[in-house]
């Protein structure tokens, strides 16, 4: 579960940064 979270989190961060940027 932790490994999955670490794999998904970066994608969410990139999407948020893309919206803000």
C-alpha atoms as a PDB file:
ATOM      1  CA  UNK A   1       0.000   0.000   0.000  1.00  0.00           C
ATOM      2  CA  UNK A   2       2.857   2.350   0.844  1.00  0.00           C
ATOM      3  CA  UNK A   3       4.647   1.542  -2.410  1.00  0.00           C
ATOM      4  CA  UNK A   4       1.452   2.252  -4.331  1.00  0.00           C
ATOM      5  CA  UNK A   5       1.019   5.604  -2.579  1.00  0.00           C
ATOM      6  CA  UNK A   6       4.619   6.545  -3.407  1.00  0.00           C
ATOM      7  CA  UNK A   7       3.934   5.638  -7.022  1.00  0.00           C
ATOM      8  CA  UNK A   8       0.706   7.645  -7.311  1.00  0.00           C
ATOM      9  CA  UNK A   9       1.668  10.725  -5.267  1.00  0.00           C
ATOM     10  CA  UNK A  10       4.227  12.079  -7.795  1.00  0.00           C
ATOM     11  CA  UNK A  11       1.564  11.934 -10.504  1.00  0.00           C
ATOM     12  CA  UNK A  12      -0.869  13.940  -8.381  1.00  0.00           C
ATOM     13  CA  UNK A  13       1.843  16.489  -7.572  1.00  0.00           C
ATOM     14  CA  UNK A  14       2.678  16.913 -11.253  1.00  0.00           C
ATOM     15  CA  UNK A  15      -1.017  17.449 -12.078  1.00  0.00           C
ATOM     16  CA  UNK A  16      -1.416  20.064  -9.326  1.00  0.00           C
ATOM     17  CA  UNK A  17       1.772  21.854 -10.375  1.00  0.00           C
ATOM     18  CA  UNK A  18       0.552  21.783 -13.972  1.00  0.00           C
ATOM     19  CA  UNK A  19      -2.694  23.490 -12.954  1.00  0.00           C
ATOM     20  CA  UNK A  20      -0.913  26.067 -10.810  1.00  0.00           C
ATOM     21  CA  UNK A  21       1.777  26.650 -13.427  1.00  0.00           C
END
